[in-house]
Amino acid sequence: MPADRQRTLAALLLSALAVTAVASPRWQDLSPAAQQLLAPVRDQWPQMPEARKLRLVQRADAYARMPAPQQERLRERFRWFRSLPPERRRALRAAWRRLPIEQKQALRQRFRQADRQQRQILRQQMLDQLAPATNAPQP
């Protein structure tokens, strides 16, 4: 390999590493609002993959920009999801990942158009369809 090509390759690799290092958010660099929102994952933060950290920071920033009613709706959805047994949450996540993007978009659109009571009904229907309850004893 010619020396110029080796130097170029080395420079590209070093710049990629530098960008990764800069792009990796450190806990202490997060805003107080983001730290408060992400507090449940603080202990896992140092070991967390960089891509997940960035995604969480982006979502925390988006949450901070949401109007209060939208934030409340999101908190309500989170409380509902956390109330499910862990095995049902895992099953629901796995089923959601398998859905085609068009079906996900259609379901999201139905949710946006539904009122609060209709959303609860839709949520339960989706849960029963995507992650049916098992008769296994709860831990």
C-alpha atoms as a PDB file:
ATOM      1  CA  MET A   1       0.000   0.000   0.000  1.00  0.00           C
ATOM      2  CA  PRO A   2       1.488   3.400  -0.936  1.00  0.00           C
ATOM      3  CA  ALA A   3       2.527   5.659   1.942  1.00  0.00           C
ATOM      4  CA  ASP A   4       0.075   8.415   0.932  1.00  0.00           C
ATOM      5  CA  ARG A   5      -2.801   5.966   1.042  1.00  0.00           C
ATOM      6  CA  GLN A   6      -1.721   4.665   4.442  1.00  0.00           C
ATOM      7  CA  ARG A   7      -1.517   8.198   5.839  1.00  0.00           C
ATOM      8  CA  THR A   8      -4.947   9.045   4.423  1.00  0.00           C
ATOM      9  CA  LEU A   9      -6.448   5.887   5.877  1.00  0.00           C
ATOM     10  CA  ALA A  10      -4.843   6.551   9.259  1.00  0.00           C
ATOM     11  CA  ALA A  11      -6.117  10.154   9.242  1.00  0.00           C
ATOM     12  CA  LEU A  12      -9.642   8.982   8.424  1.00  0.00           C
ATOM     13  CA  LEU A  13      -9.578   6.407  11.211  1.00  0.00           C
ATOM     14  CA  LEU A  14      -8.276   8.932  13.746  1.00  0.00           C
ATOM     15  CA  SER A  15     -10.880  11.507  12.746  1.00  0.00           C
ATOM     16  CA  ALA A  16     -13.622   8.891  13.038  1.00  0.00           C
ATOM     17  CA  LEU A  17     -12.419   8.000  16.529  1.00  0.00           C
ATOM     18  CA  ALA A  18     -12.272  11.675  17.489  1.00  0.00           C
ATOM     19  CA  VAL A  19     -15.823  12.277  16.256  1.00  0.00           C
ATOM     20  CA  THR A  20     -17.026   9.255  18.220  1.00  0.00           C
ATOM     21  CA  ALA A  21     -15.292  10.463  21.359  1.00  0.00           C
ATOM     22  CA  VAL A  22     -16.747  13.971  21.009  1.00  0.00           C
ATOM     23  CA  ALA A  23     -20.205  12.684  20.107  1.00  0.00           C
ATOM     24  CA  SER A  24     -20.413  10.462  23.189  1.00  0.00           C
ATOM     25  CA  PRO A  25     -22.407  12.392  25.797  1.00  0.00           C
ATOM     26  CA  ARG A  26     -21.036  12.230  29.323  1.00  0.00           C
ATOM     27  CA  TRP A  27     -23.557  12.206  32.166  1.00  0.00           C
ATOM     28  CA  GLN A  28     -22.113  15.350  33.738  1.00  0.00           C
ATOM     29  CA  ASP A  29     -22.458  17.202  30.394  1.00  0.00           C
ATOM     30  CA  LEU A  30     -26.220  16.581  30.202  1.00  0.00           C
ATOM     31  CA  SER A  31     -28.566  19.408  31.102  1.00  0.00           C
ATOM     32  CA  PRO A  32     -30.196  19.161  34.537  1.00  0.00           C
ATOM     33  CA  ALA A  33     -33.545  18.497  32.834  1.00  0.00           C
ATOM     34  CA  ALA A  34     -32.061  15.645  30.768  1.00  0.00           C
ATOM     35  CA  GLN A  35     -30.365  14.195  33.855  1.00  0.00           C
ATOM     36  CA  GLN A  36     -33.658  14.240  35.740  1.00  0.00           C
ATOM     37  CA  LEU A  37     -35.523  12.605  32.874  1.00  0.00           C
ATOM     38  CA  LEU A  38     -32.820   9.982  32.313  1.00  0.00           C
ATOM     39  CA  ALA A  39     -32.188   9.328  36.028  1.00  0.00           C
ATOM     40  CA  PRO A  40     -33.538   5.740  35.817  1.00  0.00           C
ATOM     41  CA  VAL A  41     -30.632   4.793  33.501  1.00  0.00           C
ATOM     42  CA  ARG A  42     -27.880   6.751  35.268  1.00  0.00           C
ATOM     43  CA  ASP A  43     -26.184   3.650  36.692  1.00  0.00           C
ATOM     44  CA  GLN A  44     -26.046   2.011  33.255  1.00  0.00           C
ATOM     45  CA  TRP A  45     -24.852   5.198  31.487  1.00  0.00           C
ATOM     46  CA  PRO A  46     -21.086   4.477  31.580  1.00  0.00           C
ATOM     47  CA  GLN A  47     -21.516   1.019  30.013  1.00  0.00           C
ATOM     48  CA  MET A  48     -24.271   2.023  27.592  1.00  0.00           C
ATOM     49  CA  PRO A  49     -23.515   1.886  23.852  1.00  0.00           C
ATOM     50  CA  GLU A  50     -22.852   5.328  22.377  1.00  0.00           C
ATOM     51  CA  ALA A  51     -25.702   5.067  19.881  1.00  0.00           C
ATOM     52  CA  ARG A  52     -28.184   4.420  22.689  1.00  0.00           C
ATOM     53  CA  LYS A  53     -26.854   7.362  24.702  1.00  0.00           C
ATOM     54  CA  LEU A  54     -27.272   9.679  21.739  1.00  0.00           C
ATOM     55  CA  ARG A  55     -30.780   8.385  21.077  1.00  0.00           C
ATOM     56  CA  LEU A  56     -31.780   8.913  24.711  1.00  0.00           C
ATOM     57  CA  VAL A  57     -30.349  12.443  24.774  1.00  0.00           C
ATOM     58  CA  GLN A  58     -32.191  13.296  21.549  1.00  0.00           C
ATOM     59  CA  ARG A  59     -35.437  11.975  23.007  1.00  0.00           C
ATOM     60  CA  ALA A  60     -34.910  13.882  26.259  1.00  0.00           C
ATOM     61  CA  ASP A  61     -34.369  17.082  24.255  1.00  0.00           C
ATOM     62  CA  ALA A  62     -37.487  16.402  22.186  1.00  0.00           C
ATOM     63  CA  TYR A  63     -39.485  15.788  25.377  1.00  0.00           C
ATOM     64  CA  ALA A  64     -38.327  19.118  26.807  1.00  0.00           C
ATOM     65  CA  ARG A  65     -39.672  20.895  23.706  1.00  0.00           C
ATOM     66  CA  MET A  66     -43.102  19.192  23.870  1.00  0.00           C
ATOM     67  CA  PRO A  67     -46.156  21.089  25.074  1.00  0.00           C
ATOM     68  CA  ALA A  68     -47.309  20.085  28.565  1.00  0.00           C
ATOM     69  CA  PRO A  69     -50.354  18.049  27.354  1.00  0.00           C
ATOM     70  CA  GLN A  70     -48.147  16.008  25.049  1.00  0.00           C
ATOM     71  CA  GLN A  71     -45.655  15.412  27.873  1.00  0.00           C
ATOM     72  CA  GLU A  72     -48.499  14.194  30.097  1.00  0.00           C
ATOM     73  CA  ARG A  73     -49.730  11.825  27.396  1.00  0.00           C
ATOM     74  CA  LEU A  74     -46.228  10.414  27.051  1.00  0.00           C
ATOM     75  CA  ARG A  75     -45.919   9.961  30.839  1.00  0.00           C
ATOM     76  CA  GLU A  76     -49.294   8.186  30.835  1.00  0.00           C
ATOM     77  CA  ARG A  77     -48.122   5.799  28.116  1.00  0.00           C
ATOM     78  CA  PHE A  78     -44.892   5.138  30.022  1.00  0.00           C
ATOM     79  CA  ARG A  79     -46.780   4.401  33.264  1.00  0.00           C
ATOM     80  CA  TRP A  80     -49.062   1.993  31.394  1.00  0.00           C
ATOM     81  CA  PHE A  81     -46.117   0.192  29.790  1.00  0.00           C
ATOM     82  CA  ARG A  82     -44.225  -0.043  33.095  1.00  0.00           C
ATOM     83  CA  SER A  83     -47.331  -1.536  34.746  1.00  0.00           C
ATOM     84  CA  LEU A  84     -47.084  -4.576  32.470  1.00  0.00           C
ATOM     85  CA  PRO A  85     -45.221  -7.658  33.693  1.00  0.00           C
ATOM     86  CA  PRO A  86     -41.653  -7.796  32.296  1.00  0.00           C
ATOM     87  CA  GLU A  87     -42.352 -10.807  30.072  1.00  0.00           C
ATOM     88  CA  ARG A  88     -45.271  -8.999  28.410  1.00  0.00           C
ATOM     89  CA  ARG A  89     -43.161  -5.879  27.883  1.00  0.00           C
ATOM     90  CA  ARG A  90     -40.496  -8.015  26.190  1.00  0.00           C
ATOM     91  CA  ALA A  91     -43.091  -9.771  24.042  1.00  0.00           C
ATOM     92  CA  LEU A  92     -44.683  -6.463  23.054  1.00  0.00           C
ATOM     93  CA  ARG A  93     -41.314  -4.928  22.115  1.00  0.00           C
ATOM     94  CA  ALA A  94     -40.418  -7.974  20.025  1.00  0.00           C
ATOM     95  CA  ALA A  95     -43.807  -8.005  18.281  1.00  0.00           C
ATOM     96  CA  TRP A  96     -43.582  -4.269  17.556  1.00  0.00           C
ATOM     97  CA  ARG A  97     -40.126  -4.695  15.980  1.00  0.00           C
ATOM     98  CA  ARG A  98     -41.498  -7.381  13.673  1.00  0.00           C
ATOM     99  CA  LEU A  99     -44.360  -5.212  12.371  1.00  0.00           C
ATOM    100  CA  PRO A 100     -43.890  -3.714   8.902  1.00  0.00           C
ATOM    101  CA  ILE A 101     -43.299   0.044   8.964  1.00  0.00           C
ATOM    102  CA  GLU A 102     -46.596   0.690   7.136  1.00  0.00           C
ATOM    103  CA  GLN A 103     -48.544  -1.116   9.841  1.00  0.00           C
ATOM    104  CA  LYS A 104     -46.713   0.826  12.566  1.00  0.00           C
ATOM    105  CA  GLN A 105     -47.531   4.102  10.821  1.00  0.00           C
ATOM    106  CA  ALA A 106     -51.207   3.131  10.480  1.00  0.00           C
ATOM    107  CA  LEU A 107     -51.415   2.226  14.183  1.00  0.00           C
ATOM    108  CA  ARG A 108     -49.756   5.502  15.186  1.00  0.00           C
ATOM    109  CA  GLN A 109     -52.221   7.418  13.013  1.00  0.00           C
ATOM    110  CA  ARG A 110     -55.189   5.639  14.650  1.00  0.00           C
ATOM    111  CA  PHE A 111     -53.800   6.564  18.069  1.00  0.00           C
ATOM    112  CA  ARG A 112     -53.348  10.219  17.109  1.00  0.00           C
ATOM    113  CA  GLN A 113     -56.951  10.448  15.973  1.00  0.00           C
ATOM    114  CA  ALA A 114     -58.399   8.679  19.016  1.00  0.00           C
ATOM    115  CA  ASP A 115     -59.535  10.357  22.201  1.00  0.00           C
ATOM    116  CA  ARG A 116     -58.225   9.235  25.589  1.00  0.00           C
ATOM    117  CA  GLN A 117     -60.815   6.499  26.136  1.00  0.00           C
ATOM    118  CA  GLN A 118     -60.439   5.151  22.594  1.00  0.00           C
ATOM    119  CA  ARG A 119     -56.655   5.082  23.062  1.00  0.00           C
ATOM    120  CA  GLN A 120     -57.028   2.899  26.164  1.00  0.00           C
ATOM    121  CA  ILE A 121     -59.210   0.481  24.201  1.00  0.00           C
ATOM    122  CA  LEU A 122     -56.797   0.448  21.246  1.00  0.00           C
ATOM    123  CA  ARG A 123     -53.849  -0.050  23.575  1.00  0.00           C
ATOM    124  CA  GLN A 124     -55.486  -3.076  25.208  1.00  0.00           C
ATOM    125  CA  GLN A 125     -56.462  -4.528  21.821  1.00  0.00           C
ATOM    126  CA  MET A 126     -52.904  -4.157  20.565  1.00  0.00           C
ATOM    127  CA  LEU A 127     -51.534  -5.706  23.722  1.00  0.00           C
ATOM    128  CA  ASP A 128     -53.881  -8.679  23.467  1.00  0.00           C
ATOM    129  CA  GLN A 129     -53.079  -9.131  19.786  1.00  0.00           C
ATOM    130  CA  LEU A 130     -49.305  -8.590  19.860  1.00  0.00           C
ATOM    131  CA  ALA A 131     -48.410  -9.954  23.288  1.00  0.00           C
ATOM    132  CA  PRO A 132     -51.206 -12.137  24.657  1.00  0.00           C
ATOM    133  CA  ALA A 133     -51.099 -12.900  28.348  1.00  0.00           C
ATOM    134  CA  THR A 134     -49.753 -16.306  29.265  1.00  0.00           C
ATOM    135  CA  ASN A 135     -51.090 -18.510  32.014  1.00  0.00           C
ATOM    136  CA  ALA A 136     -47.630 -18.740  33.509  1.00  0.00           C
ATOM    137  CA  PRO A 137     -47.396 -17.645  37.143  1.00  0.00           C
ATOM    138  CA  GLN A 138     -46.132 -14.105  37.720  1.00  0.00           C
ATOM    139  CA  PRO A 139     -42.721 -13.805  39.422  1.00  0.00           C
END
